[in-house]
PDB file of N, CA and C in Angstrom:
ATOM      1  N   UNK A   1     106.664 162.790 308.115  1.00  0.00           N
ATOM      2  CA  UNK A   1     107.172 163.532 306.977  1.00  0.00           C
ATOM      3  C   UNK A   1     106.447 163.061 305.730  1.00  0.00           C
ATOM      4  N   UNK A   2     106.087 163.994 304.903  1.00  0.00           N
ATOM      5  CA  UNK A   2     105.377 163.692 303.665  1.00  0.00           C
ATOM      6  C   UNK A   2     106.319 163.892 302.494  1.00  0.00           C
ATOM      7  N   UNK A   3     106.358 162.903 301.615  1.00  0.00           N
ATOM      8  CA  UNK A   3     107.165 163.023 300.411  1.00  0.00           C
ATOM      9  C   UNK A   3     106.233 163.090 299.211  1.00  0.00           C
ATOM     10  N   UNK A   4     106.550 163.953 298.282  1.00  0.00           N
ATOM     11  CA  UNK A   4     105.764 164.099 297.070  1.00  0.00           C
ATOM     12  C   UNK A   4     106.605 163.644 295.890  1.00  0.00           C
ATOM     13  N   UNK A   5     105.938 163.062 294.905  1.00  0.00           N
ATOM     14  CA  UNK A   5     106.651 162.613 293.709  1.00  0.00           C
ATOM     15  C   UNK A   5     106.936 163.753 292.748  1.00  0.00           C
ATOM     16  N   UNK A   6     106.128 164.777 292.791  1.00  0.00           N
ATOM     17  CA  UNK A   6     106.286 165.905 291.881  1.00  0.00           C
ATOM     18  C   UNK A   6     106.663 167.149 292.673  1.00  0.00           C
ATOM     19  N   UNK A   7     107.487 168.017 292.098  1.00  0.00           N
ATOM     20  CA  UNK A   7     107.810 169.272 292.784  1.00  0.00           C
ATOM     21  C   UNK A   7     106.570 170.118 293.020  1.00  0.00           C
ATOM     22  N   UNK A   8     106.566 170.812 294.125  1.00  0.00           N
ATOM     23  CA  UNK A   8     105.504 171.765 294.431  1.00  0.00           C
ATOM     24  C   UNK A   8     106.143 173.141 294.393  1.00  0.00           C
ATOM     25  N   UNK A   9     105.621 174.020 293.566  1.00  0.00           N
ATOM     26  CA  UNK A   9     106.173 175.355 293.438  1.00  0.00           C
ATOM     27  C   UNK A   9     105.209 176.343 294.066  1.00  0.00           C
ATOM     28  N   UNK A  10     105.687 177.105 295.010  1.00  0.00           N
ATOM     29  CA  UNK A  10     104.868 178.104 295.674  1.00  0.00           C
ATOM     30  C   UNK A  10     104.760 179.341 294.798  1.00  0.00           C
ATOM     31  N   UNK A  11     103.821 180.198 295.118  1.00  0.00           N
ATOM     32  CA  UNK A  11     103.611 181.408 294.322  1.00  0.00           C
ATOM     33  C   UNK A  11     104.860 182.269 294.302  1.00  0.00           C
ATOM     34  N   UNK A  12     105.015 183.018 293.261  1.00  0.00           N
ATOM     35  CA  UNK A  12     106.112 183.950 293.033  1.00  0.00           C
ATOM     36  C   UNK A  12     107.470 183.256 292.913  1.00  0.00           C
ATOM     37  N   UNK A  13     107.502 181.937 292.847  1.00  0.00           N
ATOM     38  CA  UNK A  13     108.743 181.174 292.689  1.00  0.00           C
ATOM     39  C   UNK A  13     109.810 181.548 293.715  1.00  0.00           C
ATOM     40  N   UNK A  14     109.399 181.911 294.914  1.00  0.00           N
ATOM     41  CA  UNK A  14     110.360 182.221 295.970  1.00  0.00           C
ATOM     42  C   UNK A  14     110.802 180.934 296.648  1.00  0.00           C
ATOM     43  N   UNK A  15     109.857 180.031 296.880  1.00  0.00           N
ATOM     44  CA  UNK A  15     110.156 178.765 297.543  1.00  0.00           C
ATOM     45  C   UNK A  15     109.753 177.635 296.614  1.00  0.00           C
ATOM     46  N   UNK A  16     110.675 176.713 296.399  1.00  0.00           N
ATOM     47  CA  UNK A  16     110.391 175.526 295.600  1.00  0.00           C
ATOM     48  C   UNK A  16     110.555 174.300 296.492  1.00  0.00           C
ATOM     49  N   UNK A  17     109.443 173.657 296.849  1.00  0.00           N
ATOM     50  CA  UNK A  17     109.504 172.437 297.649  1.00  0.00           C
ATOM     51  C   UNK A  17     109.528 171.262 296.696  1.00  0.00           C
ATOM     52  N   UNK A  18     110.578 170.477 296.729  1.00  0.00           N
ATOM     53  CA  UNK A  18     110.765 169.411 295.760  1.00  0.00           C
ATOM     54  C   UNK A  18     110.365 168.039 296.271  1.00  0.00           C
ATOM     55  N   UNK A  19     110.161 167.883 297.573  1.00  0.00           N
ATOM     56  CA  UNK A  19     109.879 166.557 298.094  1.00  0.00           C
ATOM     57  C   UNK A  19     111.155 165.733 298.138  1.00  0.00           C
ATOM     58  N   UNK A  20     111.044 164.424 298.078  1.00  0.00           N
ATOM     59  CA  UNK A  20     112.189 163.528 298.158  1.00  0.00           C
ATOM     60  C   UNK A  20     112.948 163.505 296.832  1.00  0.00           C
ATOM     61  N   UNK A  21     114.271 163.607 296.922  1.00  0.00           N
ATOM     62  CA  UNK A  21     115.143 163.449 295.756  1.00  0.00           C
ATOM     63  C   UNK A  21     116.324 162.584 296.164  1.00  0.00           C
ATOM     64  N   UNK A  22     116.875 161.852 295.217  1.00  0.00           N
ATOM     65  CA  UNK A  22     118.002 160.964 295.508  1.00  0.00           C
ATOM     66  C   UNK A  22     119.320 161.704 295.717  1.00  0.00           C
ATOM     67  N   UNK A  23     119.509 162.811 295.027  1.00  0.00           N
ATOM     68  CA  UNK A  23     120.758 163.562 295.102  1.00  0.00           C
ATOM     69  C   UNK A  23     120.429 165.043 295.261  1.00  0.00           C
ATOM     70  N   UNK A  24     120.715 165.589 296.433  1.00  0.00           N
ATOM     71  CA  UNK A  24     120.344 166.979 296.717  1.00  0.00           C
ATOM     72  C   UNK A  24     121.337 167.996 296.176  1.00  0.00           C
ATOM     73  N   UNK A  25     122.526 167.563 295.819  1.00  0.00           N
ATOM     74  CA  UNK A  25     123.566 168.516 295.433  1.00  0.00           C
ATOM     75  C   UNK A  25     123.174 169.477 294.316  1.00  0.00           C
ATOM     76  N   UNK A  26     122.559 169.012 293.230  1.00  0.00           N
ATOM     77  CA  UNK A  26     122.186 169.977 292.185  1.00  0.00           C
ATOM     78  C   UNK A  26     121.191 171.027 292.680  1.00  0.00           C
ATOM     79  N   UNK A  27     120.336 170.637 293.613  1.00  0.00           N
ATOM     80  CA  UNK A  27     119.337 171.568 294.137  1.00  0.00           C
ATOM     81  C   UNK A  27     119.957 172.546 295.126  1.00  0.00           C
ATOM     82  N   UNK A  28     120.882 172.062 295.934  1.00  0.00           N
ATOM     83  CA  UNK A  28     121.595 172.963 296.845  1.00  0.00           C
ATOM     84  C   UNK A  28     122.380 173.982 296.030  1.00  0.00           C
ATOM     85  N   UNK A  29     123.031 173.523 294.980  1.00  0.00           N
ATOM     86  CA  UNK A  29     123.824 174.412 294.131  1.00  0.00           C
ATOM     87  C   UNK A  29     122.976 175.553 293.559  1.00  0.00           C
ATOM     88  N   UNK A  30     121.744 175.255 293.166  1.00  0.00           N
ATOM     89  CA  UNK A  30     120.860 176.258 292.583  1.00  0.00           C
ATOM     90  C   UNK A  30     120.185 177.140 293.634  1.00  0.00           C
ATOM     91  N   UNK A  31     120.256 176.758 294.887  1.00  0.00           N
ATOM     92  CA  UNK A  31     119.534 177.462 295.952  1.00  0.00           C
ATOM     93  C   UNK A  31     120.306 178.664 296.461  1.00  0.00           C
ATOM     94  N   UNK A  32     119.573 179.634 296.952  1.00  0.00           N
ATOM     95  CA  UNK A  32     120.183 180.776 297.633  1.00  0.00           C
ATOM     96  C   UNK A  32     120.424 180.472 299.098  1.00  0.00           C
ATOM     97  N   UNK A  33     119.646 179.546 299.648  1.00  0.00           N
ATOM     98  CA  UNK A  33     119.689 179.262 301.073  1.00  0.00           C
ATOM     99  C   UNK A  33     119.129 177.857 301.298  1.00  0.00           C
ATOM    100  N   UNK A  34     119.634 177.166 302.313  1.00  0.00           N
ATOM    101  CA  UNK A  34     119.103 175.856 302.699  1.00  0.00           C
ATOM    102  C   UNK A  34     118.367 176.027 304.029  1.00  0.00           C
ATOM    103  N   UNK A  35     117.130 175.535 304.073  1.00  0.00           N
ATOM    104  CA  UNK A  35     116.290 175.652 305.268  1.00  0.00           C
ATOM    105  C   UNK A  35     115.983 174.258 305.793  1.00  0.00           C
ATOM    106  N   UNK A  36     116.324 174.015 307.065  1.00  0.00           N
ATOM    107  CA  UNK A  36     116.024 172.736 307.711  1.00  0.00           C
ATOM    108  C   UNK A  36     115.351 173.020 309.052  1.00  0.00           C
ATOM    109  N   UNK A  37     114.012 173.061 309.065  1.00  0.00           N
ATOM    110  CA  UNK A  37     113.293 173.338 310.311  1.00  0.00           C
ATOM    111  C   UNK A  37     113.032 172.065 311.102  1.00  0.00           C
ATOM    112  N   UNK A  38     114.094 171.447 311.586  1.00  0.00           N
ATOM    113  CA  UNK A  38     113.998 170.166 312.273  1.00  0.00           C
ATOM    114  C   UNK A  38     113.494 170.324 313.700  1.00  0.00           C
ATOM    115  N   UNK A  39     112.738 169.337 314.169  1.00  0.00           N
ATOM    116  CA  UNK A  39     112.320 169.303 315.573  1.00  0.00           C
ATOM    117  C   UNK A  39     113.387 168.633 316.425  1.00  0.00           C
ATOM    118  N   UNK A  40     114.115 167.714 315.811  1.00  0.00           N
ATOM    119  CA  UNK A  40     115.145 166.958 316.517  1.00  0.00           C
ATOM    120  C   UNK A  40     116.085 166.402 315.456  1.00  0.00           C
ATOM    121  N   UNK A  41     117.368 166.466 315.734  1.00  0.00           N
ATOM    122  CA  UNK A  41     118.331 166.101 314.689  1.00  0.00           C
ATOM    123  C   UNK A  41     119.606 165.604 315.339  1.00  0.00           C
ATOM    124  N   UNK A  42     120.285 164.690 314.669  1.00  0.00           N
ATOM    125  CA  UNK A  42     121.679 164.443 315.000  1.00  0.00           C
ATOM    126  C   UNK A  42     122.450 165.500 314.231  1.00  0.00           C
ATOM    127  N   UNK A  43     123.748 165.406 314.155  1.00  0.00           N
ATOM    128  CA  UNK A  43     124.493 166.361 313.347  1.00  0.00           C
ATOM    129  C   UNK A  43     124.042 166.178 311.899  1.00  0.00           C
ATOM    130  N   UNK A  44     123.450 167.190 311.357  1.00  0.00           N
ATOM    131  CA  UNK A  44     122.774 167.100 310.071  1.00  0.00           C
ATOM    132  C   UNK A  44     123.747 167.067 308.906  1.00  0.00           C
ATOM    133  N   UNK A  45     123.731 165.974 308.159  1.00  0.00           N
ATOM    134  CA  UNK A  45     124.547 165.879 306.942  1.00  0.00           C
ATOM    135  C   UNK A  45     124.060 166.886 305.908  1.00  0.00           C
ATOM    136  N   UNK A  46     122.764 167.119 305.879  1.00  0.00           N
ATOM    137  CA  UNK A  46     122.204 168.093 304.936  1.00  0.00           C
ATOM    138  C   UNK A  46     122.802 169.474 305.162  1.00  0.00           C
ATOM    139  N   UNK A  47     122.874 169.878 306.423  1.00  0.00           N
ATOM    140  CA  UNK A  47     123.429 171.195 306.711  1.00  0.00           C
ATOM    141  C   UNK A  47     124.932 171.245 306.457  1.00  0.00           C
ATOM    142  N   UNK A  48     125.631 170.164 306.747  1.00  0.00           N
ATOM    143  CA  UNK A  48     127.070 170.126 306.461  1.00  0.00           C
ATOM    144  C   UNK A  48     127.301 170.217 304.952  1.00  0.00           C
ATOM    145  N   UNK A  49     126.459 169.535 304.173  1.00  0.00           N
ATOM    146  CA  UNK A  49     126.559 169.637 302.711  1.00  0.00           C
ATOM    147  C   UNK A  49     126.319 171.077 302.261  1.00  0.00           C
ATOM    148  N   UNK A  50     125.333 171.732 302.869  1.00  0.00           N
ATOM    149  CA  UNK A  50     125.050 173.127 302.518  1.00  0.00           C
ATOM    150  C   UNK A  50     126.245 174.016 302.849  1.00  0.00           C
ATOM    151  N   UNK A  51     126.857 173.793 304.012  1.00  0.00           N
ATOM    152  CA  UNK A  51     128.053 174.556 304.386  1.00  0.00           C
ATOM    153  C   UNK A  51     129.148 174.360 303.350  1.00  0.00           C
ATOM    154  N   UNK A  52     129.397 173.102 303.001  1.00  0.00           N
ATOM    155  CA  UNK A  52     130.477 172.769 302.082  1.00  0.00           C
ATOM    156  C   UNK A  52     130.255 173.367 300.695  1.00  0.00           C
ATOM    157  N   UNK A  53     128.997 173.619 300.366  1.00  0.00           N
ATOM    158  CA  UNK A  53     128.679 174.219 299.071  1.00  0.00           C
ATOM    159  C   UNK A  53     128.538 175.731 299.176  1.00  0.00           C
ATOM    160  N   UNK A  54     128.874 176.287 300.345  1.00  0.00           N
ATOM    161  CA  UNK A  54     128.878 177.732 300.519  1.00  0.00           C
ATOM    162  C   UNK A  54     127.505 178.366 300.544  1.00  0.00           C
ATOM    163  N   UNK A  55     126.541 177.661 301.116  1.00  0.00           N
ATOM    164  CA  UNK A  55     125.177 178.192 301.161  1.00  0.00           C
ATOM    165  C   UNK A  55     124.816 178.657 302.568  1.00  0.00           C
ATOM    166  N   UNK A  56     124.124 179.767 302.673  1.00  0.00           N
ATOM    167  CA  UNK A  56     123.588 180.188 303.964  1.00  0.00           C
ATOM    168  C   UNK A  56     122.538 179.177 304.428  1.00  0.00           C
ATOM    169  N   UNK A  57     122.307 179.115 305.721  1.00  0.00           N
ATOM    170  CA  UNK A  57     121.313 178.179 306.222  1.00  0.00           C
ATOM    171  C   UNK A  57     120.386 178.859 307.220  1.00  0.00           C
ATOM    172  N   UNK A  58     119.192 178.306 307.289  1.00  0.00           N
ATOM    173  CA  UNK A  58     118.223 178.634 308.327  1.00  0.00           C
ATOM    174  C   UNK A  58     117.829 177.302 308.939  1.00  0.00           C
ATOM    175  N   UNK A  59     117.968 177.209 310.239  1.00  0.00           N
ATOM    176  CA  UNK A  59     117.624 175.957 310.901  1.00  0.00           C
ATOM    177  C   UNK A  59     117.121 176.238 312.306  1.00  0.00           C
ATOM    178  N   UNK A  60     116.764 175.194 313.000  1.00  0.00           N
ATOM    179  CA  UNK A  60     116.198 175.335 314.332  1.00  0.00           C
ATOM    180  C   UNK A  60     117.258 175.195 315.411  1.00  0.00           C
ATOM    181  N   UNK A  61     116.945 175.749 316.560  1.00  0.00           N
ATOM    182  CA  UNK A  61     117.852 175.728 317.708  1.00  0.00           C
ATOM    183  C   UNK A  61     117.681 174.415 318.461  1.00  0.00           C
ATOM    184  N   UNK A  62     118.099 173.323 317.804  1.00  0.00           N
ATOM    185  CA  UNK A  62     118.076 171.995 318.415  1.00  0.00           C
ATOM    186  C   UNK A  62     119.463 171.391 318.262  1.00  0.00           C
ATOM    187  N   UNK A  63     119.829 170.458 319.147  1.00  0.00           N
ATOM    188  CA  UNK A  63     121.143 169.821 319.013  1.00  0.00           C
ATOM    189  C   UNK A  63     121.310 169.214 317.618  1.00  0.00           C
ATOM    190  N   UNK A  64     122.487 169.385 317.061  1.00  0.00           N
ATOM    191  CA  UNK A  64     122.772 168.870 315.730  1.00  0.00           C
ATOM    192  C   UNK A  64     122.546 169.892 314.635  1.00  0.00           C
ATOM    193  N   UNK A  65     121.726 170.877 314.909  1.00  0.00           N
ATOM    194  CA  UNK A  65     121.496 171.966 313.950  1.00  0.00           C
ATOM    195  C   UNK A  65     122.176 173.240 314.430  1.00  0.00           C
ATOM    196  N   UNK A  66     122.059 173.524 315.716  1.00  0.00           N
ATOM    197  CA  UNK A  66     122.628 174.787 316.237  1.00  0.00           C
ATOM    198  C   UNK A  66     124.145 174.832 316.070  1.00  0.00           C
ATOM    199  N   UNK A  67     124.782 173.667 315.955  1.00  0.00           N
ATOM    200  CA  UNK A  67     126.236 173.631 315.830  1.00  0.00           C
ATOM    201  C   UNK A  67     126.742 174.113 314.478  1.00  0.00           C
ATOM    202  N   UNK A  68     125.856 174.274 313.518  1.00  0.00           N
ATOM    203  CA  UNK A  68     126.292 174.690 312.181  1.00  0.00           C
ATOM    204  C   UNK A  68     125.891 176.131 311.861  1.00  0.00           C
ATOM    205  N   UNK A  69     125.530 176.889 312.882  1.00  0.00           N
ATOM    206  CA  UNK A  69     125.203 178.305 312.697  1.00  0.00           C
ATOM    207  C   UNK A  69     126.267 179.154 313.377  1.00  0.00           C
ATOM    208  N   UNK A  70     126.969 179.943 312.582  1.00  0.00           N
ATOM    209  CA  UNK A  70     127.953 180.881 313.114  1.00  0.00           C
ATOM    210  C   UNK A  70     128.156 181.978 312.075  1.00  0.00           C
ATOM    211  N   UNK A  71     127.348 182.994 312.119  1.00  0.00           N
ATOM    212  CA  UNK A  71     127.398 184.108 311.167  1.00  0.00           C
ATOM    213  C   UNK A  71     127.175 183.658 309.722  1.00  0.00           C
ATOM    214  N   UNK A  72     126.465 182.552 309.546  1.00  0.00           N
ATOM    215  CA  UNK A  72     126.218 182.032 308.206  1.00  0.00           C
ATOM    216  C   UNK A  72     124.733 181.770 307.951  1.00  0.00           C
ATOM    217  N   UNK A  73     123.886 182.312 308.809  1.00  0.00           N
ATOM    218  CA  UNK A  73     122.453 182.113 308.630  1.00  0.00           C
ATOM    219  C   UNK A  73     121.702 182.451 309.896  1.00  0.00           C
ATOM    220  N   UNK A  74     120.538 181.838 310.012  1.00  0.00           N
ATOM    221  CA  UNK A  74     119.669 182.139 311.144  1.00  0.00           C
ATOM    222  C   UNK A  74     119.224 180.858 311.843  1.00  0.00           C
ATOM    223  N   UNK A  75     119.093 180.975 313.155  1.00  0.00           N
ATOM    224  CA  UNK A  75     118.632 179.873 313.999  1.00  0.00           C
ATOM    225  C   UNK A  75     117.325 180.324 314.634  1.00  0.00           C
ATOM    226  N   UNK A  76     116.292 179.468 314.550  1.00  0.00           N
ATOM    227  CA  UNK A  76     114.980 179.799 315.100  1.00  0.00           C
ATOM    228  C   UNK A  76     114.552 178.715 316.089  1.00  0.00           C
ATOM    229  N   UNK A  77     113.637 179.046 317.002  1.00  0.00           N
ATOM    230  CA  UNK A  77     113.138 178.015 317.921  1.00  0.00           C
ATOM    231  C   UNK A  77     112.414 176.905 317.154  1.00  0.00           C
ATOM    232  N   UNK A  78     112.554 175.679 317.622  1.00  0.00           N
ATOM    233  CA  UNK A  78     111.857 174.552 316.993  1.00  0.00           C
ATOM    234  C   UNK A  78     110.347 174.734 317.105  1.00  0.00           C
ATOM    235  N   UNK A  79     109.650 174.305 316.083  1.00  0.00           N
ATOM    236  CA  UNK A  79     108.190 174.307 316.029  1.00  0.00           C
ATOM    237  C   UNK A  79     107.597 175.714 316.106  1.00  0.00           C
ATOM    238  N   UNK A  80     108.353 176.719 315.673  1.00  0.00           N
ATOM    239  CA  UNK A  80     107.874 178.091 315.694  1.00  0.00           C
ATOM    240  C   UNK A  80     107.797 178.595 314.252  1.00  0.00           C
ATOM    241  N   UNK A  81     106.631 178.426 313.665  1.00  0.00           N
ATOM    242  CA  UNK A  81     106.448 178.767 312.256  1.00  0.00           C
ATOM    243  C   UNK A  81     106.675 180.254 312.011  1.00  0.00           C
ATOM    244  N   UNK A  82     106.177 181.092 312.899  1.00  0.00           N
ATOM    245  CA  UNK A  82     106.321 182.539 312.707  1.00  0.00           C
ATOM    246  C   UNK A  82     107.800 182.940 312.692  1.00  0.00           C
ATOM    247  N   UNK A  83     108.593 182.387 313.605  1.00  0.00           N
ATOM    248  CA  UNK A  83     110.024 182.695 313.629  1.00  0.00           C
ATOM    249  C   UNK A  83     110.703 182.211 312.349  1.00  0.00           C
ATOM    250  N   UNK A  84     110.273 181.066 311.841  1.00  0.00           N
ATOM    251  CA  UNK A  84     110.835 180.537 310.593  1.00  0.00           C
ATOM    252  C   UNK A  84     110.503 181.463 309.427  1.00  0.00           C
ATOM    253  N   UNK A  85     109.272 181.909 309.358  1.00  0.00           N
ATOM    254  CA  UNK A  85     108.855 182.834 308.292  1.00  0.00           C
ATOM    255  C   UNK A  85     109.665 184.125 308.379  1.00  0.00           C
ATOM    256  N   UNK A  86     109.840 184.641 309.585  1.00  0.00           N
ATOM    257  CA  UNK A  86     110.600 185.884 309.764  1.00  0.00           C
ATOM    258  C   UNK A  86     112.063 185.697 309.357  1.00  0.00           C
ATOM    259  N   UNK A  87     112.651 184.551 309.705  1.00  0.00           N
ATOM    260  CA  UNK A  87     114.045 184.287 309.321  1.00  0.00           C
ATOM    261  C   UNK A  87     114.182 184.187 307.805  1.00  0.00           C
ATOM    262  N   UNK A  88     113.214 183.553 307.160  1.00  0.00           N
ATOM    263  CA  UNK A  88     113.262 183.440 305.701  1.00  0.00           C
ATOM    264  C   UNK A  88     113.133 184.821 305.055  1.00  0.00           C
ATOM    265  N   UNK A  89     112.267 185.626 305.587  1.00  0.00           N
ATOM    266  CA  UNK A  89     112.111 186.987 305.084  1.00  0.00           C
ATOM    267  C   UNK A  89     113.385 187.797 305.309  1.00  0.00           C
ATOM    268  N   UNK A  90     113.965 187.648 306.488  1.00  0.00           N
ATOM    269  CA  UNK A  90     115.210 188.356 306.802  1.00  0.00           C
ATOM    270  C   UNK A  90     116.336 187.910 305.871  1.00  0.00           C
ATOM    271  N   UNK A  91     116.371 186.620 305.529  1.00  0.00           N
ATOM    272  CA  UNK A  91     117.407 186.112 304.629  1.00  0.00           C
ATOM    273  C   UNK A  91     117.307 186.787 303.265  1.00  0.00           C
ATOM    274  N   UNK A  92     116.085 187.013 302.796  1.00  0.00           N
ATOM    275  CA  UNK A  92     115.894 187.654 301.497  1.00  0.00           C
ATOM    276  C   UNK A  92     116.483 189.058 301.461  1.00  0.00           C
ATOM    277  N   UNK A  93     116.598 189.679 302.628  1.00  0.00           N
ATOM    278  CA  UNK A  93     117.115 191.043 302.718  1.00  0.00           C
ATOM    279  C   UNK A  93     118.534 191.102 303.289  1.00  0.00           C
ATOM    280  N   UNK A  94     119.231 189.972 303.298  1.00  0.00           N
ATOM    281  CA  UNK A  94     120.571 189.893 303.889  1.00  0.00           C
ATOM    282  C   UNK A  94     121.637 189.772 302.813  1.00  0.00           C
ATOM    283  N   UNK A  95     122.872 189.848 303.247  1.00  0.00           N
ATOM    284  CA  UNK A  95     124.020 189.648 302.365  1.00  0.00           C
ATOM    285  C   UNK A  95     124.283 188.143 302.237  1.00  0.00           C
ATOM    286  N   UNK A  96     123.618 187.535 301.281  1.00  0.00           N
ATOM    287  CA  UNK A  96     123.691 186.081 301.104  1.00  0.00           C
ATOM    288  C   UNK A  96     125.119 185.639 300.782  1.00  0.00           C
ATOM    289  N   UNK A  97     125.842 186.430 300.019  1.00  0.00           N
ATOM    290  CA  UNK A  97     127.230 186.075 299.686  1.00  0.00           C
ATOM    291  C   UNK A  97     128.085 185.984 300.948  1.00  0.00           C
ATOM    292  N   UNK A  98     127.933 186.942 301.837  1.00  0.00           N
ATOM    293  CA  UNK A  98     128.711 186.928 303.085  1.00  0.00           C
ATOM    294  C   UNK A  98     128.352 185.716 303.937  1.00  0.00           C
ATOM    295  N   UNK A  99     127.070 185.418 304.045  1.00  0.00           N
ATOM    296  CA  UNK A  99     126.649 184.219 304.774  1.00  0.00           C
ATOM    297  C   UNK A  99     127.265 182.969 304.140  1.00  0.00           C
ATOM    298  N   UNK A 100     127.269 182.930 302.809  1.00  0.00           N
ATOM    299  CA  UNK A 100     127.839 181.771 302.111  1.00  0.00           C
ATOM    300  C   UNK A 100     129.323 181.599 302.382  1.00  0.00           C
ATOM    301  N   UNK A 101     130.061 182.697 302.377  1.00  0.00           N
ATOM    302  CA  UNK A 101     131.496 182.626 302.692  1.00  0.00           C
ATOM    303  C   UNK A 101     131.715 182.132 304.120  1.00  0.00           C
ATOM    304  N   UNK A 102     130.876 182.578 305.037  1.00  0.00           N
ATOM    305  CA  UNK A 102     130.975 182.112 306.416  1.00  0.00           C
ATOM    306  C   UNK A 102     130.640 180.629 306.525  1.00  0.00           C
ATOM    307  N   UNK A 103     129.722 180.151 305.693  1.00  0.00           N
ATOM    308  CA  UNK A 103     129.419 178.716 305.663  1.00  0.00           C
ATOM    309  C   UNK A 103     130.639 177.915 305.228  1.00  0.00           C
ATOM    310  N   UNK A 104     131.312 178.397 304.175  1.00  0.00           N
ATOM    311  CA  UNK A 104     132.514 177.690 303.713  1.00  0.00           C
ATOM    312  C   UNK A 104     133.581 177.630 304.808  1.00  0.00           C
ATOM    313  N   UNK A 105     133.760 178.728 305.536  1.00  0.00           N
ATOM    314  CA  UNK A 105     134.734 178.743 306.633  1.00  0.00           C
ATOM    315  C   UNK A 105     134.353 177.742 307.715  1.00  0.00           C
ATOM    316  N   UNK A 106     133.073 177.695 308.048  1.00  0.00           N
ATOM    317  CA  UNK A 106     132.611 176.766 309.077  1.00  0.00           C
ATOM    318  C   UNK A 106     132.719 175.320 308.613  1.00  0.00           C
ATOM    319  N   UNK A 107     132.499 175.079 307.329  1.00  0.00           N
ATOM    320  CA  UNK A 107     132.580 173.716 306.785  1.00  0.00           C
ATOM    321  C   UNK A 107     133.956 173.100 307.002  1.00  0.00           C
ATOM    322  N   UNK A 108     134.976 173.935 307.018  1.00  0.00           N
ATOM    323  CA  UNK A 108     136.336 173.429 307.208  1.00  0.00           C
ATOM    324  C   UNK A 108     136.542 172.819 308.590  1.00  0.00           C
ATOM    325  N   UNK A 109     135.650 173.121 309.526  1.00  0.00           N
ATOM    326  CA  UNK A 109     135.763 172.570 310.874  1.00  0.00           C
ATOM    327  C   UNK A 109     135.169 171.177 310.987  1.00  0.00           C
ATOM    328  N   UNK A 110     134.412 170.749 309.986  1.00  0.00           N
ATOM    329  CA  UNK A 110     133.746 169.454 310.038  1.00  0.00           C
ATOM    330  C   UNK A 110     134.494 168.441 309.182  1.00  0.00           C
ATOM    331  N   UNK A 111     134.780 167.312 309.774  1.00  0.00           N
ATOM    332  CA  UNK A 111     135.357 166.182 309.047  1.00  0.00           C
ATOM    333  C   UNK A 111     134.305 165.085 309.068  1.00  0.00           C
ATOM    334  N   UNK A 112     133.605 164.915 307.953  1.00  0.00           N
ATOM    335  CA  UNK A 112     132.469 163.993 307.908  1.00  0.00           C
ATOM    336  C   UNK A 112     132.882 162.561 308.218  1.00  0.00           C
ATOM    337  N   UNK A 113     134.109 162.192 307.886  1.00  0.00           N
ATOM    338  CA  UNK A 113     134.561 160.832 308.221  1.00  0.00           C
ATOM    339  C   UNK A 113     134.610 160.646 309.736  1.00  0.00           C
ATOM    340  N   UNK A 114     135.080 161.656 310.446  1.00  0.00           N
ATOM    341  CA  UNK A 114     135.108 161.589 311.912  1.00  0.00           C
ATOM    342  C   UNK A 114     133.694 161.506 312.472  1.00  0.00           C
ATOM    343  N   UNK A 115     132.803 162.306 311.915  1.00  0.00           N
ATOM    344  CA  UNK A 115     131.405 162.273 312.361  1.00  0.00           C
ATOM    345  C   UNK A 115     130.824 160.878 312.137  1.00  0.00           C
ATOM    346  N   UNK A 116     131.052 160.311 310.953  1.00  0.00           N
ATOM    347  CA  UNK A 116     130.537 158.969 310.650  1.00  0.00           C
ATOM    348  C   UNK A 116     131.151 157.915 311.568  1.00  0.00           C
ATOM    349  N   UNK A 117     132.448 158.004 311.814  1.00  0.00           N
ATOM    350  CA  UNK A 117     133.102 157.033 312.698  1.00  0.00           C
ATOM    351  C   UNK A 117     132.553 157.112 314.118  1.00  0.00           C
ATOM    352  N   UNK A 118     132.345 158.310 314.621  1.00  0.00           N
ATOM    353  CA  UNK A 118     131.765 158.466 315.959  1.00  0.00           C
ATOM    354  C   UNK A 118     130.353 157.909 316.022  1.00  0.00           C
ATOM    355  N   UNK A 119     129.588 158.115 314.957  1.00  0.00           N
ATOM    356  CA  UNK A 119     128.226 157.585 314.903  1.00  0.00           C
ATOM    357  C   UNK A 119     128.261 156.067 314.908  1.00  0.00           C
ATOM    358  N   UNK A 120     129.151 155.470 314.149  1.00  0.00           N
ATOM    359  CA  UNK A 120     129.270 154.010 314.110  1.00  0.00           C
ATOM    360  C   UNK A 120     129.668 153.446 315.482  1.00  0.00           C
ATOM    361  N   UNK A 121     130.546 154.134 316.190  1.00  0.00           N
ATOM    362  CA  UNK A 121     130.932 153.693 317.531  1.00  0.00           C
ATOM    363  C   UNK A 121     129.742 153.672 318.471  1.00  0.00           C
ATOM    364  N   UNK A 122     128.897 154.679 318.370  1.00  0.00           N
ATOM    365  CA  UNK A 122     127.692 154.727 319.205  1.00  0.00           C
ATOM    366  C   UNK A 122     126.775 153.550 318.864  1.00  0.00           C
ATOM    367  N   UNK A 123     126.594 153.277 317.586  1.00  0.00           N
ATOM    368  CA  UNK A 123     125.733 152.162 317.176  1.00  0.00           C
ATOM    369  C   UNK A 123     126.310 150.820 317.648  1.00  0.00           C
ATOM    370  N   UNK A 124     127.622 150.673 317.590  1.00  0.00           N
ATOM    371  CA  UNK A 124     128.252 149.422 317.992  1.00  0.00           C
ATOM    372  C   UNK A 124     128.083 149.154 319.483  1.00  0.00           C
ATOM    373  N   UNK A 125     128.055 150.219 320.282  1.00  0.00           N
ATOM    374  CA  UNK A 125     127.881 150.059 321.736  1.00  0.00           C
ATOM    375  C   UNK A 125     126.425 149.873 322.062  1.00  0.00           C
TER     376      UNK A 125
END
């Protein structure tokens, strides 16, 4: 993974890649959609944060990511750039508000303390 110190802004201001930041919440709040094209993931805190903030998501069909998609975004095959591009394009033409409401509903199913406790139990064993 490459981290940049300065934001990189793509043409037409459609995608803003910011690199590493200490607190993602202000950026999630300003975003229309959260995209996490992970190759492998545990249950993603980033995606849970996006759900809790009512944001649609696009992510990959890998364990830990697929569990947070339910009528609130798009799931694409891992390492498939074309599918990711198509999902992002499709998101631009979708009902983002409806996806966001579905994210909020799904967020209610996640208790981050339980997730953290289960993770700690695995580490302890």
